[in-house]
C-alpha atoms as a PDB file:
ATOM      1  CA  MET A   1      70.923  77.210  78.143  1.00  0.00           C
ATOM      2  CA  ASP A   2      69.055  79.598  80.385  1.00  0.00           C
ATOM      3  CA  ALA A   3      68.663  78.048  83.850  1.00  0.00           C
ATOM      4  CA  ASP A   4      65.678  80.306  84.604  1.00  0.00           C
ATOM      5  CA  ASN A   5      63.733  79.189  81.533  1.00  0.00           C
ATOM      6  CA  PRO A   6      62.095  75.777  82.055  1.00  0.00           C
ATOM      7  CA  PHE A   7      61.521  75.485  78.292  1.00  0.00           C
ATOM      8  CA  ALA A   8      65.106  76.222  77.224  1.00  0.00           C
ATOM      9  CA  ALA A   9      65.834  72.628  76.163  1.00  0.00           C
ATOM     10  CA  TYR A  10      62.554  72.463  74.229  1.00  0.00           C
ATOM     11  CA  ASP A  11      63.274  75.766  72.464  1.00  0.00           C
ATOM     12  CA  LYS A  12      66.733  74.522  71.499  1.00  0.00           C
ATOM     13  CA  ARG A  13      65.276  71.373  69.889  1.00  0.00           C
ATOM     14  CA  ARG A  14      62.849  73.473  67.831  1.00  0.00           C
ATOM     15  CA  ARG A  15      65.625  75.430  66.110  1.00  0.00           C
ATOM     16  CA  PRO A  16      66.289  74.301  62.549  1.00  0.00           C
ATOM     17  CA  PRO A  17      69.446  72.361  61.742  1.00  0.00           C
ATOM     18  CA  MET A  18      72.409  74.743  61.530  1.00  0.00           C
ATOM     19  CA  ASP A  19      69.962  77.653  62.114  1.00  0.00           C
ATOM     20  CA  ILE A  20      68.824  77.624  58.482  1.00  0.00           C
ATOM     21  CA  TYR A  21      65.191  78.752  58.423  1.00  0.00           C
ATOM     22  CA  ARG A  22      64.790  78.693  54.642  1.00  0.00           C
ATOM     23  CA  ARG A  23      66.332  76.452  52.026  1.00  0.00           C
ATOM     24  CA  HIS A  24      65.828  75.403  48.413  1.00  0.00           C
ATOM     25  CA  ARG A  25      66.274  72.114  46.618  1.00  0.00           C
ATOM     26  CA  PRO A  26      66.202  71.126  42.938  1.00  0.00           C
ATOM     27  CA  MET A  27      62.701  69.989  42.030  1.00  0.00           C
ATOM     28  CA  HIS A  28      63.903  66.836  40.287  1.00  0.00           C
ATOM     29  CA  GLY A  29      66.709  65.978  42.716  1.00  0.00           C
ATOM     30  CA  GLY A  30      70.441  66.187  42.290  1.00  0.00           C
ATOM     31  CA  ALA A  31      73.035  68.632  43.542  1.00  0.00           C
ATOM     32  CA  GLY A  32      71.845  72.171  44.210  1.00  0.00           C
ATOM     33  CA  HIS A  33      74.541  73.854  42.132  1.00  0.00           C
ATOM     34  CA  LEU A  34      73.930  71.807  38.983  1.00  0.00           C
ATOM     35  CA  ARG A  35      71.463  72.848  36.279  1.00  0.00           C
ATOM     36  CA  PRO A  36      70.896  76.410  37.566  1.00  0.00           C
ATOM     37  CA  ASN A  37      68.049  77.033  35.112  1.00  0.00           C
ATOM     38  CA  GLU A  38      65.794  74.278  36.500  1.00  0.00           C
ATOM     39  CA  PRO A  39      62.988  74.952  39.035  1.00  0.00           C
ATOM     40  CA  ARG A  40      63.558  74.730  42.792  1.00  0.00           C
ATOM     41  CA  VAL A  41      61.311  73.769  45.701  1.00  0.00           C
ATOM     42  CA  LEU A  42      61.333  76.403  48.456  1.00  0.00           C
ATOM     43  CA  GLU A  43      61.185  75.079  52.034  1.00  0.00           C
ATOM     44  CA  GLU A  44      60.719  76.839  55.372  1.00  0.00           C
ATOM     45  CA  TRP A  45      61.301  75.545  58.890  1.00  0.00           C
ATOM     46  CA  SER A  46      57.968  75.132  60.713  1.00  0.00           C
ATOM     47  CA  GLY A  47      59.417  74.520  64.154  1.00  0.00           C
ATOM     48  CA  PHE A  48      59.439  70.760  63.653  1.00  0.00           C
ATOM     49  CA  ALA A  49      60.413  70.080  60.032  1.00  0.00           C
ATOM     50  CA  TYR A  50      60.998  71.769  56.687  1.00  0.00           C
ATOM     51  CA  GLU A  51      57.770  72.279  54.727  1.00  0.00           C
ATOM     52  CA  ALA A  52      57.408  73.155  51.060  1.00  0.00           C
ATOM     53  CA  VAL A  53      56.023  76.688  50.678  1.00  0.00           C
ATOM     54  CA  GLY A  54      56.468  77.324  46.968  1.00  0.00           C
ATOM     55  CA  THR A  55      58.655  77.043  43.930  1.00  0.00           C
ATOM     56  CA  ALA A  56      61.207  79.208  42.153  1.00  0.00           C
ATOM     57  CA  PRO A  57      61.868  79.122  38.405  1.00  0.00           C
ATOM     58  CA  ASN A  58      65.660  78.887  38.781  1.00  0.00           C
ATOM     59  CA  LEU A  59      68.605  78.885  41.178  1.00  0.00           C
ATOM     60  CA  ALA A  60      69.026  82.676  41.232  1.00  0.00           C
ATOM     61  CA  ALA A  61      65.391  83.260  42.212  1.00  0.00           C
ATOM     62  CA  ALA A  62      65.602  80.573  44.914  1.00  0.00           C
ATOM     63  CA  GLN A  63      68.758  82.117  46.375  1.00  0.00           C
ATOM     64  CA  GLY A  64      67.083  85.522  46.379  1.00  0.00           C
ATOM     65  CA  TRP A  65      64.135  84.107  48.327  1.00  0.00           C
ATOM     66  CA  VAL A  66      66.459  82.494  50.901  1.00  0.00           C
ATOM     67  CA  HIS A  67      68.445  85.713  51.398  1.00  0.00           C
ATOM     68  CA  GLU A  68      65.313  87.868  51.585  1.00  0.00           C
ATOM     69  CA  LEU A  69      64.659  86.635  55.125  1.00  0.00           C
ATOM     70  CA  GLN A  70      68.288  87.147  56.167  1.00  0.00           C
ATOM     71  CA  LEU A  71      68.308  90.719  54.875  1.00  0.00           C
ATOM     72  CA  GLY A  72      64.914  91.565  56.362  1.00  0.00           C
ATOM     73  CA  ASP A  73      63.385  92.785  53.102  1.00  0.00           C
ATOM     74  CA  GLY A  74      59.893  91.893  54.234  1.00  0.00           C
ATOM     75  CA  PRO A  75      57.439  89.009  53.890  1.00  0.00           C
ATOM     76  CA  VAL A  76      57.303  86.628  50.983  1.00  0.00           C
ATOM     77  CA  ALA A  77      54.324  87.118  48.680  1.00  0.00           C
END
């Protein structure tokens, strides 16, 4: 932590778990690797919790959306 920053502890608590800013989950529950052709819920870290921001038609599209942020390909439409 930065001793000169009075908000360092607060900033640390606002980071997402394991520094994952985007994630996807199967729409109807279950393990993420099963049924790759089923829709996924897309979630983004808001600074306090994960919030649903959209859906993806399948696992491949959801993984592409997650990696888009990591690769810096631009904003999500």
